[in-house]
């Protein structure tokens, strides 16, 4: 049985964020110097949740915009279903690293 592309991307995104130093807030990605950049920048060393999803979708050879949008919408609904009144971008920017990892782990059980 093959693993659905959404789950593959989320697993890759989680792996990219697993090290606290590879996670960021308030920007999609940052360089080692802390400068904002795109998820695909060769100098990117840390990512927000959405940035890690974008990078993982790209590395999986998927349609980045479409798959990222789909996963983010599902994550937003997951947060709403659990009584959170924020989307995953707002959650990433307000939460701790551990809370973001826990959100991904919890969401992975539903995919």
Protein backbone atom coordinates (compact mmCIF):
# COMPACT_ATOMS: atom_id res chain seq x y z
CA UNK A 1 0.00 0.00 0.00
CA UNK A 2 1.42 3.39 -0.98
CA UNK A 3 1.48 6.39 1.33
CA UNK A 4 -0.76 9.27 0.16
CA UNK A 5 1.18 12.28 -1.16
CA UNK A 6 -0.29 14.52 1.58
CA UNK A 7 1.13 12.25 4.27
CA UNK A 8 4.50 11.99 2.49
CA UNK A 9 4.72 15.78 2.34
CA UNK A 10 3.68 16.20 5.97
CA UNK A 11 6.26 13.63 7.09
CA UNK A 12 8.96 15.48 5.15
CA UNK A 13 7.82 18.83 6.52
CA UNK A 14 7.87 17.45 10.05
CA UNK A 15 11.39 16.11 9.52
CA UNK A 16 12.49 19.54 8.27
CA UNK A 17 11.05 21.19 11.38
CA UNK A 18 12.15 18.59 13.92
CA UNK A 19 15.28 20.54 14.89
CA UNK A 20 14.26 23.71 16.78
CA UNK A 21 16.95 25.63 14.89
CA UNK A 22 15.29 24.73 11.57
CA UNK A 23 11.96 26.32 12.54
CA UNK A 24 11.08 30.00 12.29
CA UNK A 25 8.18 32.35 12.88
CA UNK A 26 6.81 35.40 11.00
CA UNK A 27 8.49 34.47 7.70
CA UNK A 28 8.15 31.50 5.35
CA UNK A 29 11.88 30.81 5.60
CA UNK A 30 15.12 32.38 6.79
CA UNK A 31 18.80 32.11 6.01
CA UNK A 32 21.37 31.17 8.64
CA UNK A 33 21.83 34.93 9.21
CA UNK A 34 18.10 35.24 9.98
CA UNK A 35 17.24 37.06 6.76
CA UNK A 36 13.83 36.30 5.24
CA UNK A 37 13.86 34.25 2.04
CA UNK A 38 11.66 31.87 0.08
CA UNK A 39 11.22 28.22 0.97
CA UNK A 40 13.16 27.30 -2.16
CA UNK A 41 16.13 29.61 -1.57
CA UNK A 42 19.32 27.58 -1.52
CA UNK A 43 20.40 29.55 1.55
CA UNK A 44 17.23 28.80 3.54
CA UNK A 45 18.00 27.01 6.80
CA UNK A 46 14.78 27.45 8.80
CA UNK A 47 11.13 27.30 7.86
CA UNK A 48 7.72 28.07 9.26
CA UNK A 49 5.11 25.33 9.05
CA UNK A 50 3.83 26.47 5.64
CA UNK A 51 7.36 26.98 4.34
CA UNK A 52 8.30 23.44 5.35
CA UNK A 53 5.18 22.12 3.59
CA UNK A 54 6.09 24.07 0.44
CA UNK A 55 9.63 22.72 0.47
CA UNK A 56 8.46 19.16 1.09
CA UNK A 57 5.91 19.38 -1.75
CA UNK A 58 8.62 20.70 -4.07
CA UNK A 59 11.01 17.91 -3.12
CA UNK A 60 8.24 15.35 -3.66
CA UNK A 61 7.83 16.61 -7.22
CA UNK A 62 4.26 17.68 -6.57
CA UNK A 63 2.38 20.76 -7.74
CA UNK A 64 3.61 22.98 -4.91
CA UNK A 65 0.86 25.61 -4.94
CA UNK A 66 -2.01 23.14 -5.23
CA UNK A 67 -0.75 20.62 -2.69
CA UNK A 68 0.34 23.27 -0.19
CA UNK A 69 -3.07 24.96 -0.44
CA UNK A 70 -4.84 21.64 0.10
CA UNK A 71 -2.76 20.66 3.13
CA UNK A 72 -2.96 24.13 4.68
CA UNK A 73 -6.75 24.18 4.28
CA UNK A 74 -6.96 20.78 5.98
CA UNK A 75 -4.67 21.95 8.79
CA UNK A 76 -6.79 25.07 9.24
CA UNK A 77 -9.92 22.92 9.52
CA UNK A 78 -8.12 20.63 11.97
CA UNK A 79 -7.33 23.64 14.18
CA UNK A 80 -10.91 24.88 13.92
CA UNK A 81 -12.28 21.44 14.80
CA UNK A 82 -10.19 21.56 17.98
CA UNK A 83 -11.54 24.94 19.03
CA UNK A 84 -8.63 27.04 17.79
CA UNK A 85 -9.67 30.32 16.26
CA UNK A 86 -6.63 30.74 14.08
CA UNK A 87 -5.18 29.35 10.89
CA UNK A 88 -1.94 27.40 10.71
CA UNK A 89 0.12 30.50 9.84
CA UNK A 90 -1.19 32.33 12.91
CA UNK A 91 -0.70 29.19 14.99
CA UNK A 92 2.92 28.84 13.86
CA UNK A 93 3.62 32.48 14.70
CA UNK A 94 2.02 32.31 18.17
CA UNK A 95 2.99 28.80 19.24
CA UNK A 96 6.16 27.22 20.53
CA UNK A 97 8.23 24.85 18.43
CA UNK A 98 6.93 21.91 20.46
CA UNK A 99 3.32 22.97 19.87
CA UNK A 100 3.88 23.16 16.12
CA UNK A 101 5.48 19.70 16.08
CA UNK A 102 2.59 18.36 18.19
CA UNK A 103 0.08 19.85 15.76
CA UNK A 104 1.77 18.11 12.83
CA UNK A 105 1.98 14.82 14.74
CA UNK A 106 -1.68 15.03 15.70
CA UNK A 107 -2.74 15.93 12.17
CA UNK A 108 -0.67 13.07 10.70
CA UNK A 109 -2.90 10.60 12.56
CA UNK A 110 -5.86 11.85 10.50
CA UNK A 111 -4.27 11.74 7.04
